[in-house]
Amino acid sequence: MTAIVSGTQLLSWPERRNSRAFTVQRVMPDGSVEQPDYSSVMADVFAEDQDEQAKQLGVVGINQILARRRVAAEAADIPKELKDAAFQRAATQIMDKLHGERAPGVYLGQVRE
């Protein structure tokens, strides 16, 4: 997840809050977790390149549109409570990192202008 911070304040989340930041994995009866399906994420990652290749051939590529629709449809299936809890947890970890505490998985980068 990506957040916009200033000093020690979390200002906002990027517009694509319902993006590929979320995956849902089923817990099996034996307690194991099913493997994540990254196919829609990979389609989204490569869509821009595929559209650019199509453009060079003189046609209009719609891979980005289709990939974004698929990701949005998958995100719509995730309960709002789960999304909100994930963002609350992420906010807590980001604030911990901003205040010098240990926060595994949190990286504070600089915005380039």
Foldseek 3Di string as FASTA:
>chain_A
DDFDDDQLGTDGDPPVLLAPPDWDWDQDPVRDTDDTDCVLVVLLVCQVVVQVVQVVVPHGGCSNVVSRVVSNVNSVPDDPVVSVVVVVVVSVLSSCVSVPHDRPPDDDDDDDD
